[in-house]
Amino acid sequence: MDLMQVQYAVVKPFQSQAAKDRVSITETRSSPCRWYCVFGMDGVAGICGMARMLGSSRLRIRGVWVRREYRGKGIGSFMVKTLIRLAQDEPGISSIEACAINPKFYAGLKFKQVSPAGSNGVTFMRRVF
């Protein structure tokens, strides 16, 4: 399994599918993002993104989404573990964060809860290096 950096044009067609699963894979002007994909036999199997928080030593995961037919195969964990390694290799970065709809997933990858779930069901998680 490989995680390949891609242009946003590869990610954009999957926005509505990911949104149905409550995952945002939307590009924003205020936070430039690096997008990555895992490819399966029939195209994109999973998408994730990572952006540096402006003026900080933190990176934020910008969505982890796996197509339904590829779920349960470890693709989400593989993508986040790879993002962690990339973040650790980046000069000046001390932690990686995620807004999680599934905090148990991130807790299993050694992220700690920073705040309780908000009214939208999202929990803020962080892993310090």
C-alpha atoms as a PDB file:
ATOM      1  CA  MET A   1       0.000   0.000   0.000  1.00  0.00           C
ATOM      2  CA  ASP A   2       1.328   3.452  -0.929  1.00  0.00           C
ATOM      3  CA  LEU A   3       0.203   6.940  -0.008  1.00  0.00           C
ATOM      4  CA  MET A   4       0.735   9.278  -2.959  1.00  0.00           C
ATOM      5  CA  GLN A   5       0.614  13.065  -2.854  1.00  0.00           C
ATOM      6  CA  VAL A   6      -1.898  14.345  -5.407  1.00  0.00           C
ATOM      7  CA  GLN A   7      -3.299  17.620  -6.674  1.00  0.00           C
ATOM      8  CA  TYR A   8      -6.651  18.753  -5.314  1.00  0.00           C
ATOM      9  CA  ALA A   9      -8.230  18.061  -8.716  1.00  0.00           C
ATOM     10  CA  VAL A  10      -7.946  14.320  -7.905  1.00  0.00           C
ATOM     11  CA  VAL A  11      -9.682  14.808  -4.534  1.00  0.00           C
ATOM     12  CA  LYS A  12     -12.457  17.213  -5.541  1.00  0.00           C
ATOM     13  CA  PRO A  13     -14.755  14.690  -7.329  1.00  0.00           C
ATOM     14  CA  PHE A  14     -15.122  12.787  -4.026  1.00  0.00           C
ATOM     15  CA  GLN A  15     -16.282  15.778  -1.921  1.00  0.00           C
ATOM     16  CA  SER A  16     -19.986  14.895  -1.948  1.00  0.00           C
ATOM     17  CA  GLN A  17     -19.383  11.201  -1.154  1.00  0.00           C
ATOM     18  CA  ALA A  18     -17.134  12.139   1.770  1.00  0.00           C
ATOM     19  CA  ALA A  19     -19.616  14.774   2.998  1.00  0.00           C
ATOM     20  CA  LYS A  20     -22.311  12.078   3.271  1.00  0.00           C
ATOM     21  CA  ASP A  21     -19.941  10.348   5.710  1.00  0.00           C
ATOM     22  CA  ARG A  22     -19.425  13.649   7.592  1.00  0.00           C
ATOM     23  CA  VAL A  23     -15.846  14.031   6.349  1.00  0.00           C
ATOM     24  CA  SER A  24     -14.666  17.311   4.865  1.00  0.00           C
ATOM     25  CA  ILE A  25     -12.133  17.053   2.063  1.00  0.00           C
ATOM     26  CA  THR A  26     -12.599  20.637   0.935  1.00  0.00           C
ATOM     27  CA  GLU A  27      -9.752  22.952   0.002  1.00  0.00           C
ATOM     28  CA  THR A  28      -9.696  26.328   1.754  1.00  0.00           C
ATOM     29  CA  ARG A  29      -7.712  29.425   0.837  1.00  0.00           C
ATOM     30  CA  SER A  30      -6.812  30.178   4.444  1.00  0.00           C
ATOM     31  CA  SER A  31      -5.150  26.825   5.043  1.00  0.00           C
ATOM     32  CA  PRO A  32      -3.254  25.379   2.053  1.00  0.00           C
ATOM     33  CA  CYS A  33      -3.412  21.615   2.210  1.00  0.00           C
ATOM     34  CA  ARG A  34      -1.329  18.722   0.923  1.00  0.00           C
ATOM     35  CA  TRP A  35      -3.615  15.951  -0.316  1.00  0.00           C
ATOM     36  CA  TYR A  36      -2.786  12.241  -0.429  1.00  0.00           C
ATOM     37  CA  CYS A  37      -4.528   9.184  -1.871  1.00  0.00           C
ATOM     38  CA  VAL A  38      -4.317   5.434  -1.619  1.00  0.00           C
ATOM     39  CA  PHE A  39      -5.302   3.806  -4.899  1.00  0.00           C
ATOM     40  CA  GLY A  40      -7.110   0.495  -5.252  1.00  0.00           C
ATOM     41  CA  MET A  41      -7.738  -1.633  -8.319  1.00  0.00           C
ATOM     42  CA  ASP A  42     -10.562   0.661  -9.485  1.00  0.00           C
ATOM     43  CA  GLY A  43      -9.119   4.074  -8.604  1.00  0.00           C
ATOM     44  CA  VAL A  44      -9.104   6.097  -5.394  1.00  0.00           C
ATOM     45  CA  ALA A  45      -9.585   3.951  -2.270  1.00  0.00           C
ATOM     46  CA  GLY A  46      -8.858   6.589   0.364  1.00  0.00           C
ATOM     47  CA  ILE A  47      -8.106  10.300   0.700  1.00  0.00           C
ATOM     48  CA  CYS A  48      -6.503  12.351   3.445  1.00  0.00           C
ATOM     49  CA  GLY A  49      -5.030  15.802   3.759  1.00  0.00           C
ATOM     50  CA  MET A  50      -2.692  17.693   6.040  1.00  0.00           C
ATOM     51  CA  ALA A  51      -2.178  21.436   6.528  1.00  0.00           C
ATOM     52  CA  ARG A  52       0.222  23.463   8.623  1.00  0.00           C
ATOM     53  CA  MET A  53      -1.537  25.686  11.125  1.00  0.00           C
ATOM     54  CA  LEU A  54      -0.467  29.199  10.218  1.00  0.00           C
ATOM     55  CA  GLY A  55       2.061  30.635  12.643  1.00  0.00           C
ATOM     56  CA  SER A  56       2.362  27.443  14.681  1.00  0.00           C
ATOM     57  CA  SER A  57       4.367  24.268  15.106  1.00  0.00           C
ATOM     58  CA  ARG A  58       1.295  22.075  14.494  1.00  0.00           C
ATOM     59  CA  LEU A  59      -0.066  20.221  11.503  1.00  0.00           C
ATOM     60  CA  ARG A  60      -3.763  19.432  11.189  1.00  0.00           C
ATOM     61  CA  ILE A  61      -5.202  16.393   9.474  1.00  0.00           C
ATOM     62  CA  ARG A  62      -7.794  17.668   6.995  1.00  0.00           C
ATOM     63  CA  GLY A  63     -10.062  14.711   6.551  1.00  0.00           C
ATOM     64  CA  VAL A  64      -9.508  10.975   6.397  1.00  0.00           C
ATOM     65  CA  TRP A  65     -11.992   9.268   4.131  1.00  0.00           C
ATOM     66  CA  VAL A  66     -12.081   5.712   2.779  1.00  0.00           C
ATOM     67  CA  ARG A  67     -14.538   4.559   0.119  1.00  0.00           C
ATOM     68  CA  ARG A  68     -17.112   2.160   1.553  1.00  0.00           C
ATOM     69  CA  GLU A  69     -15.946  -0.861  -0.437  1.00  0.00           C
ATOM     70  CA  TYR A  70     -12.407  -0.441   0.976  1.00  0.00           C
ATOM     71  CA  ARG A  71     -13.313   0.021   4.643  1.00  0.00           C
ATOM     72  CA  GLY A  72     -12.103  -2.451   7.245  1.00  0.00           C
ATOM     73  CA  LYS A  73      -8.870  -3.110   5.385  1.00  0.00           C
ATOM     74  CA  GLY A  74      -6.595  -0.811   7.449  1.00  0.00           C
ATOM     75  CA  ILE A  75      -6.415   1.967   4.847  1.00  0.00           C
ATOM     76  CA  GLY A  76      -7.483   4.732   7.258  1.00  0.00           C
ATOM     77  CA  SER A  77      -4.929   3.670   9.869  1.00  0.00           C
ATOM     78  CA  PHE A  78      -2.234   3.384   7.212  1.00  0.00           C
ATOM     79  CA  MET A  79      -2.979   6.910   5.965  1.00  0.00           C
ATOM     80  CA  VAL A  80      -2.889   8.486   9.443  1.00  0.00           C
ATOM     81  CA  LYS A  81       0.290   6.599  10.425  1.00  0.00           C
ATOM     82  CA  THR A  82       1.916   7.876   7.244  1.00  0.00           C
ATOM     83  CA  LEU A  83       0.779  11.454   7.970  1.00  0.00           C
ATOM     84  CA  ILE A  84       2.284  11.122  11.466  1.00  0.00           C
ATOM     85  CA  ARG A  85       5.636  10.048   9.982  1.00  0.00           C
ATOM     86  CA  LEU A  86       5.554  12.918   7.484  1.00  0.00           C
ATOM     87  CA  ALA A  87       4.756  15.388  10.286  1.00  0.00           C
ATOM     88  CA  GLN A  88       7.573  14.052  12.470  1.00  0.00           C
ATOM     89  CA  ASP A  89      10.019  14.546   9.585  1.00  0.00           C
ATOM     90  CA  GLU A  90       8.947  18.136   8.985  1.00  0.00           C
ATOM     91  CA  PRO A  91      11.256  20.714  10.621  1.00  0.00           C
ATOM     92  CA  GLY A  92       9.676  22.779  13.390  1.00  0.00           C
ATOM     93  CA  ILE A  93       6.600  20.579  13.860  1.00  0.00           C
ATOM     94  CA  SER A  94       5.865  19.414  17.420  1.00  0.00           C
ATOM     95  CA  SER A  95       2.378  17.888  17.069  1.00  0.00           C
ATOM     96  CA  ILE A  96      -0.370  16.751  14.735  1.00  0.00           C
ATOM     97  CA  GLU A  97      -4.079  17.396  15.320  1.00  0.00           C
ATOM     98  CA  ALA A  98      -7.394  16.088  14.068  1.00  0.00           C
ATOM     99  CA  CYS A  99     -11.057  17.014  14.392  1.00  0.00           C
ATOM    100  CA  ALA A 100     -12.487  13.553  14.896  1.00  0.00           C
ATOM    101  CA  ILE A 101     -15.976  12.146  14.440  1.00  0.00           C
ATOM    102  CA  ASN A 102     -14.499   8.827  15.598  1.00  0.00           C
ATOM    103  CA  PRO A 103     -12.173   9.657  18.531  1.00  0.00           C
ATOM    104  CA  LYS A 104     -11.570   5.961  19.314  1.00  0.00           C
ATOM    105  CA  PHE A 105      -9.880   5.602  15.922  1.00  0.00           C
ATOM    106  CA  TYR A 106      -7.429   8.396  16.743  1.00  0.00           C
ATOM    107  CA  ALA A 107      -6.969   7.263  20.365  1.00  0.00           C
ATOM    108  CA  GLY A 108      -5.807   3.911  18.972  1.00  0.00           C
ATOM    109  CA  LEU A 109      -3.079   5.841  17.144  1.00  0.00           C
ATOM    110  CA  LYS A 110      -1.905   7.564  20.368  1.00  0.00           C
ATOM    111  CA  PHE A 111      -3.821  10.811  19.925  1.00  0.00           C
ATOM    112  CA  LYS A 112      -5.129  12.399  23.126  1.00  0.00           C
ATOM    113  CA  GLN A 113      -8.475  14.133  23.459  1.00  0.00           C
ATOM    114  CA  VAL A 114      -7.990  17.902  23.831  1.00  0.00           C
ATOM    115  CA  SER A 115     -11.641  18.905  24.127  1.00  0.00           C
ATOM    116  CA  PRO A 116     -14.969  17.130  24.578  1.00  0.00           C
ATOM    117  CA  ALA A 117     -17.223  16.540  21.606  1.00  0.00           C
ATOM    118  CA  GLY A 118     -18.989  19.679  20.448  1.00  0.00           C
ATOM    119  CA  SER A 119     -22.623  19.969  19.447  1.00  0.00           C
ATOM    120  CA  ASN A 120     -21.623  18.693  15.990  1.00  0.00           C
ATOM    121  CA  GLY A 121     -20.200  15.487  17.506  1.00  0.00           C
ATOM    122  CA  VAL A 122     -16.607  16.394  16.630  1.00  0.00           C
ATOM    123  CA  THR A 123     -13.833  15.841  19.195  1.00  0.00           C
ATOM    124  CA  PHE A 124     -10.518  17.669  18.980  1.00  0.00           C
ATOM    125  CA  MET A 125      -7.538  15.252  19.217  1.00  0.00           C
ATOM    126  CA  ARG A 126      -3.764  15.878  19.319  1.00  0.00           C
ATOM    127  CA  ARG A 127      -0.591  13.773  19.218  1.00  0.00           C
ATOM    128  CA  VAL A 128       2.557  15.448  20.512  1.00  0.00           C
ATOM    129  CA  PHE A 129       5.985  14.253  19.315  1.00  0.00           C
END
